PDB file of N, CA and C in Angstrom:
ATOM      1  N   UNK A   1       3.745  21.946   4.774  1.00  0.00           N
ATOM      2  CA  UNK A   1       3.675  20.531   4.502  1.00  0.00           C
ATOM      3  C   UNK A   1       2.202  20.144   4.403  1.00  0.00           C
ATOM      4  N   UNK A   2       1.837  19.529   3.324  1.00  0.00           N
ATOM      5  CA  UNK A   2       0.442  19.183   3.072  1.00  0.00           C
ATOM      6  C   UNK A   2       0.056  17.897   3.790  1.00  0.00           C
ATOM      7  N   UNK A   3      -1.207  17.835   4.171  1.00  0.00           N
ATOM      8  CA  UNK A   3      -1.746  16.620   4.784  1.00  0.00           C
ATOM      9  C   UNK A   3      -2.102  15.655   3.663  1.00  0.00           C
ATOM     10  N   UNK A   4      -1.488  14.476   3.638  1.00  0.00           N
ATOM     11  CA  UNK A   4      -1.652  13.555   2.518  1.00  0.00           C
ATOM     12  C   UNK A   4      -2.612  12.415   2.802  1.00  0.00           C
ATOM     13  N   UNK A   5      -3.210  12.375   3.969  1.00  0.00           N
ATOM     14  CA  UNK A   5      -4.126  11.280   4.260  1.00  0.00           C
ATOM     15  C   UNK A   5      -5.512  11.607   3.719  1.00  0.00           C
ATOM     16  N   UNK A   6      -6.198  10.589   3.235  1.00  0.00           N
ATOM     17  CA  UNK A   6      -7.543  10.775   2.717  1.00  0.00           C
ATOM     18  C   UNK A   6      -8.587  10.116   3.604  1.00  0.00           C
ATOM     19  N   UNK A   7      -8.311   8.922   4.097  1.00  0.00           N
ATOM     20  CA  UNK A   7      -9.271   8.165   4.881  1.00  0.00           C
ATOM     21  C   UNK A   7      -8.881   8.170   6.353  1.00  0.00           C
ATOM     22  N   UNK A   8      -9.864   8.391   7.203  1.00  0.00           N
ATOM     23  CA  UNK A   8      -9.685   8.332   8.652  1.00  0.00           C
ATOM     24  C   UNK A   8     -10.491   7.139   9.143  1.00  0.00           C
ATOM     25  N   UNK A   9      -9.846   6.242   9.881  1.00  0.00           N
ATOM     26  CA  UNK A   9     -10.486   5.018  10.347  1.00  0.00           C
ATOM     27  C   UNK A   9     -10.583   5.045  11.869  1.00  0.00           C
ATOM     28  N   UNK A  10     -11.797   4.883  12.354  1.00  0.00           N
ATOM     29  CA  UNK A  10     -12.065   4.693  13.784  1.00  0.00           C
ATOM     30  C   UNK A  10     -12.689   3.319  13.924  1.00  0.00           C
ATOM     31  N   UNK A  11     -12.117   2.500  14.792  1.00  0.00           N
ATOM     32  CA  UNK A  11     -12.622   1.137  14.943  1.00  0.00           C
ATOM     33  C   UNK A  11     -12.545   0.719  16.399  1.00  0.00           C
ATOM     34  N   UNK A  12     -13.380  -0.246  16.733  1.00  0.00           N
ATOM     35  CA  UNK A  12     -13.405  -0.820  18.066  1.00  0.00           C
ATOM     36  C   UNK A  12     -12.939  -2.263  17.976  1.00  0.00           C
ATOM     37  N   UNK A  13     -12.018  -2.632  18.855  1.00  0.00           N
ATOM     38  CA  UNK A  13     -11.493  -3.986  18.865  1.00  0.00           C
ATOM     39  C   UNK A  13     -12.319  -4.920  19.714  1.00  0.00           C
ATOM     40  N   UNK A  14     -12.119  -6.207  19.528  1.00  0.00           N
ATOM     41  CA  UNK A  14     -12.865  -7.228  20.260  1.00  0.00           C
ATOM     42  C   UNK A  14     -12.517  -7.242  21.743  1.00  0.00           C
ATOM     43  N   UNK A  15     -11.339  -6.778  22.094  1.00  0.00           N
ATOM     44  CA  UNK A  15     -10.936  -6.730  23.495  1.00  0.00           C
ATOM     45  C   UNK A  15     -11.185  -5.377  24.132  1.00  0.00           C
ATOM     46  N   UNK A  16     -11.913  -4.491  23.443  1.00  0.00           N
ATOM     47  CA  UNK A  16     -12.203  -3.169  23.966  1.00  0.00           C
ATOM     48  C   UNK A  16     -11.220  -2.107  23.511  1.00  0.00           C
ATOM     49  N   UNK A  17     -10.282  -2.460  22.649  1.00  0.00           N
ATOM     50  CA  UNK A  17      -9.311  -1.507  22.155  1.00  0.00           C
ATOM     51  C   UNK A  17      -9.986  -0.522  21.200  1.00  0.00           C
ATOM     52  N   UNK A  18      -9.418   0.672  21.108  1.00  0.00           N
ATOM     53  CA  UNK A  18      -9.871   1.672  20.152  1.00  0.00           C
ATOM     54  C   UNK A  18      -8.754   1.885  19.143  1.00  0.00           C
ATOM     55  N   UNK A  19      -9.097   1.789  17.870  1.00  0.00           N
ATOM     56  CA  UNK A  19      -8.128   1.969  16.796  1.00  0.00           C
ATOM     57  C   UNK A  19      -8.424   3.263  16.052  1.00  0.00           C
ATOM     58  N   UNK A  20      -7.394   4.032  15.783  1.00  0.00           N
ATOM     59  CA  UNK A  20      -7.493   5.254  15.000  1.00  0.00           C
ATOM     60  C   UNK A  20      -6.296   5.268  14.060  1.00  0.00           C
ATOM     61  N   UNK A  21      -6.561   5.340  12.766  1.00  0.00           N
ATOM     62  CA  UNK A  21      -5.470   5.350  11.802  1.00  0.00           C
ATOM     63  C   UNK A  21      -5.832   6.228  10.620  1.00  0.00           C
ATOM     64  N   UNK A  22      -4.821   6.657   9.893  1.00  0.00           N
ATOM     65  CA  UNK A  22      -4.972   7.477   8.692  1.00  0.00           C
ATOM     66  C   UNK A  22      -4.400   6.717   7.515  1.00  0.00           C
ATOM     67  N   UNK A  23      -5.125   6.694   6.394  1.00  0.00           N
ATOM     68  CA  UNK A  23      -4.670   6.004   5.191  1.00  0.00           C
ATOM     69  C   UNK A  23      -4.676   6.977   4.025  1.00  0.00           C
ATOM     70  N   UNK A  24      -3.660   6.883   3.178  1.00  0.00           N
ATOM     71  CA  UNK A  24      -3.555   7.853   2.086  1.00  0.00           C
ATOM     72  C   UNK A  24      -4.354   7.476   0.849  1.00  0.00           C
ATOM     73  N   UNK A  25      -4.654   6.180   0.643  1.00  0.00           N
ATOM     74  CA  UNK A  25      -5.452   5.779  -0.523  1.00  0.00           C
ATOM     75  C   UNK A  25      -6.260   4.524  -0.189  1.00  0.00           C
ATOM     76  N   UNK A  26      -7.111   4.138  -1.130  1.00  0.00           N
ATOM     77  CA  UNK A  26      -8.022   3.020  -0.882  1.00  0.00           C
ATOM     78  C   UNK A  26      -7.273   1.690  -0.753  1.00  0.00           C
ATOM     79  N   UNK A  27      -6.192   1.524  -1.481  1.00  0.00           N
ATOM     80  CA  UNK A  27      -5.400   0.300  -1.396  1.00  0.00           C
ATOM     81  C   UNK A  27      -4.800   0.133  -0.003  1.00  0.00           C
ATOM     82  N   UNK A  28      -4.271   1.203   0.543  1.00  0.00           N
ATOM     83  CA  UNK A  28      -3.714   1.151   1.893  1.00  0.00           C
ATOM     84  C   UNK A  28      -4.809   0.878   2.927  1.00  0.00           C
ATOM     85  N   UNK A  29      -5.992   1.447   2.711  1.00  0.00           N
ATOM     86  CA  UNK A  29      -7.131   1.219   3.595  1.00  0.00           C
ATOM     87  C   UNK A  29      -7.549  -0.246   3.594  1.00  0.00           C
ATOM     88  N   UNK A  30      -7.694  -0.827   2.410  1.00  0.00           N
ATOM     89  CA  UNK A  30      -8.082  -2.238   2.306  1.00  0.00           C
ATOM     90  C   UNK A  30      -7.025  -3.146   2.934  1.00  0.00           C
ATOM     91  N   UNK A  31      -5.759  -2.806   2.733  1.00  0.00           N
ATOM     92  CA  UNK A  31      -4.663  -3.588   3.303  1.00  0.00           C
ATOM     93  C   UNK A  31      -4.702  -3.546   4.833  1.00  0.00           C
ATOM     94  N   UNK A  32      -4.957  -2.371   5.414  1.00  0.00           N
ATOM     95  CA  UNK A  32      -5.034  -2.242   6.862  1.00  0.00           C
ATOM     96  C   UNK A  32      -6.206  -3.048   7.417  1.00  0.00           C
ATOM     97  N   UNK A  33      -7.348  -2.992   6.737  1.00  0.00           N
ATOM     98  CA  UNK A  33      -8.526  -3.725   7.201  1.00  0.00           C
ATOM     99  C   UNK A  33      -8.285  -5.228   7.152  1.00  0.00           C
ATOM    100  N   UNK A  34      -7.702  -5.737   6.063  1.00  0.00           N
ATOM    101  CA  UNK A  34      -7.458  -7.181   5.968  1.00  0.00           C
ATOM    102  C   UNK A  34      -6.434  -7.644   7.000  1.00  0.00           C
ATOM    103  N   UNK A  35      -5.434  -6.812   7.296  1.00  0.00           N
ATOM    104  CA  UNK A  35      -4.424  -7.193   8.289  1.00  0.00           C
ATOM    105  C   UNK A  35      -4.979  -7.198   9.709  1.00  0.00           C
ATOM    106  N   UNK A  36      -5.986  -6.385   9.993  1.00  0.00           N
ATOM    107  CA  UNK A  36      -6.516  -6.253  11.350  1.00  0.00           C
ATOM    108  C   UNK A  36      -7.936  -6.772  11.506  1.00  0.00           C
ATOM    109  N   UNK A  37      -8.461  -7.463  10.516  1.00  0.00           N
ATOM    110  CA  UNK A  37      -9.857  -7.886  10.516  1.00  0.00           C
ATOM    111  C   UNK A  37     -10.194  -8.808  11.682  1.00  0.00           C
ATOM    112  N   UNK A  38      -9.286  -9.687  12.067  1.00  0.00           N
ATOM    113  CA  UNK A  38      -9.583 -10.619  13.154  1.00  0.00           C
ATOM    114  C   UNK A  38      -9.614  -9.930  14.513  1.00  0.00           C
ATOM    115  N   UNK A  39      -9.030  -8.730  14.635  1.00  0.00           N
ATOM    116  CA  UNK A  39      -9.022  -7.987  15.892  1.00  0.00           C
ATOM    117  C   UNK A  39     -10.189  -7.011  16.015  1.00  0.00           C
ATOM    118  N   UNK A  40     -10.874  -6.710  14.904  1.00  0.00           N
ATOM    119  CA  UNK A  40     -11.876  -5.647  14.877  1.00  0.00           C
ATOM    120  C   UNK A  40     -13.302  -6.177  14.942  1.00  0.00           C
ATOM    121  N   UNK A  41     -14.190  -5.366  15.495  1.00  0.00           N
ATOM    122  CA  UNK A  41     -15.629  -5.593  15.395  1.00  0.00           C
ATOM    123  C   UNK A  41     -16.051  -4.830  14.136  1.00  0.00           C
ATOM    124  N   UNK A  42     -16.384  -5.564  13.084  1.00  0.00           N
ATOM    125  CA  UNK A  42     -16.621  -4.945  11.786  1.00  0.00           C
ATOM    126  C   UNK A  42     -17.860  -4.048  11.777  1.00  0.00           C
ATOM    127  N   UNK A  43     -18.825  -4.294  12.663  1.00  0.00           N
ATOM    128  CA  UNK A  43     -20.000  -3.436  12.746  1.00  0.00           C
ATOM    129  C   UNK A  43     -19.669  -2.063  13.332  1.00  0.00           C
ATOM    130  N   UNK A  44     -18.585  -1.965  14.067  1.00  0.00           N
ATOM    131  CA  UNK A  44     -18.183  -0.717  14.709  1.00  0.00           C
ATOM    132  C   UNK A  44     -17.110   0.028  13.912  1.00  0.00           C
ATOM    133  N   UNK A  45     -16.809  -0.421  12.715  1.00  0.00           N
ATOM    134  CA  UNK A  45     -15.798   0.204  11.873  1.00  0.00           C
ATOM    135  C   UNK A  45     -16.376   1.457  11.221  1.00  0.00           C
ATOM    136  N   UNK A  46     -15.736   2.615  11.439  1.00  0.00           N
ATOM    137  CA  UNK A  46     -16.193   3.875  10.882  1.00  0.00           C
ATOM    138  C   UNK A  46     -15.069   4.472  10.039  1.00  0.00           C
ATOM    139  N   UNK A  47     -15.340   4.656   8.743  1.00  0.00           N
ATOM    140  CA  UNK A  47     -14.347   5.184   7.815  1.00  0.00           C
ATOM    141  C   UNK A  47     -14.868   6.507   7.274  1.00  0.00           C
ATOM    142  N   UNK A  48     -14.050   7.545   7.352  1.00  0.00           N
ATOM    143  CA  UNK A  48     -14.415   8.865   6.867  1.00  0.00           C
ATOM    144  C   UNK A  48     -13.510   9.235   5.703  1.00  0.00           C
ATOM    145  N   UNK A  49     -14.125   9.644   4.607  1.00  0.00           N
ATOM    146  CA  UNK A  49     -13.391  10.105   3.430  1.00  0.00           C
ATOM    147  C   UNK A  49     -13.275  11.618   3.517  1.00  0.00           C
ATOM    148  N   UNK A  50     -12.057  12.137   3.678  1.00  0.00           N
ATOM    149  CA  UNK A  50     -11.862  13.562   3.855  1.00  0.00           C
ATOM    150  C   UNK A  50     -12.054  14.352   2.558  1.00  0.00           C
ATOM    151  N   UNK A  51     -12.012  13.697   1.400  1.00  0.00           N
ATOM    152  CA  UNK A  51     -12.184  14.378   0.118  1.00  0.00           C
ATOM    153  C   UNK A  51     -13.623  14.381  -0.364  1.00  0.00           C
ATOM    154  N   UNK A  52     -14.529  13.863   0.413  1.00  0.00           N
ATOM    155  CA  UNK A  52     -15.927  13.784   0.025  1.00  0.00           C
ATOM    156  C   UNK A  52     -16.551  15.182   0.102  1.00  0.00           C
ATOM    157  N   UNK A  53     -17.388  15.512  -0.868  1.00  0.00           N
ATOM    158  CA  UNK A  53     -18.014  16.829  -0.882  1.00  0.00           C
ATOM    159  C   UNK A  53     -19.084  16.932   0.205  1.00  0.00           C
ATOM    160  N   UNK A  54     -19.446  18.149   0.540  1.00  0.00           N
ATOM    161  CA  UNK A  54     -20.426  18.384   1.591  1.00  0.00           C
ATOM    162  C   UNK A  54     -21.794  17.817   1.219  1.00  0.00           C
ATOM    163  N   UNK A  55     -22.190  17.943  -0.026  1.00  0.00           N
ATOM    164  CA  UNK A  55     -23.484  17.436  -0.478  1.00  0.00           C
ATOM    165  C   UNK A  55     -23.577  15.923  -0.323  1.00  0.00           C
ATOM    166  N   UNK A  56     -22.539  15.198  -0.706  1.00  0.00           N
ATOM    167  CA  UNK A  56     -22.569  13.744  -0.594  1.00  0.00           C
ATOM    168  C   UNK A  56     -22.453  13.285   0.858  1.00  0.00           C
ATOM    169  N   UNK A  57     -21.847  14.084   1.721  1.00  0.00           N
ATOM    170  CA  UNK A  57     -21.791  13.740   3.143  1.00  0.00           C
ATOM    171  C   UNK A  57     -23.185  13.745   3.749  1.00  0.00           C
ATOM    172  N   UNK A  58     -24.018  14.670   3.325  1.00  0.00           N
ATOM    173  CA  UNK A  58     -25.367  14.772   3.878  1.00  0.00           C
ATOM    174  C   UNK A  58     -26.262  13.621   3.455  1.00  0.00           C
ATOM    175  N   UNK A  59     -26.116  13.154   2.206  1.00  0.00           N
ATOM    176  CA  UNK A  59     -27.061  12.187   1.659  1.00  0.00           C
ATOM    177  C   UNK A  59     -26.501  10.787   1.468  1.00  0.00           C
ATOM    178  N   UNK A  60     -25.334  10.519   1.961  1.00  0.00           N
ATOM    179  CA  UNK A  60     -24.756   9.182   1.818  1.00  0.00           C
ATOM    180  C   UNK A  60     -24.889   8.425   3.133  1.00  0.00           C
ATOM    181  N   UNK A  61     -24.818   7.082   3.061  1.00  0.00           N
ATOM    182  CA  UNK A  61     -24.841   6.301   4.305  1.00  0.00           C
ATOM    183  C   UNK A  61     -23.592   6.594   5.135  1.00  0.00           C
ATOM    184  N   UNK A  62     -23.662   6.325   6.412  1.00  0.00           N
ATOM    185  CA  UNK A  62     -22.579   6.646   7.335  1.00  0.00           C
ATOM    186  C   UNK A  62     -21.332   5.801   7.107  1.00  0.00           C
ATOM    187  N   UNK A  63     -21.501   4.547   6.758  1.00  0.00           N
ATOM    188  CA  UNK A  63     -20.341   3.662   6.631  1.00  0.00           C
ATOM    189  C   UNK A  63     -19.912   3.570   5.180  1.00  0.00           C
ATOM    190  N   UNK A  64     -18.598   3.571   4.980  1.00  0.00           N
ATOM    191  CA  UNK A  64     -18.038   3.489   3.641  1.00  0.00           C
ATOM    192  C   UNK A  64     -17.964   2.050   3.166  1.00  0.00           C
ATOM    193  N   UNK A  65     -17.708   1.118   4.072  1.00  0.00           N
ATOM    194  CA  UNK A  65     -17.619  -0.303   3.730  1.00  0.00           C
ATOM    195  C   UNK A  65     -18.774  -1.038   4.320  1.00  0.00           C
TER     196      UNK A  65
END
């Protein structure tokens, strides 16, 4: 069975909660962020693209959004 998730989201909530979720495409990622935006500290939002090449991982900024 193949792993179908592309984006891994690590976030910190305003009440100290830790959020970890997997999204299969960018539309699902944007939908999750808009639904949970009032609960999240947006500066602490970390999104990892699992399909990103090694070269672009080294030279790209840490945050996707």
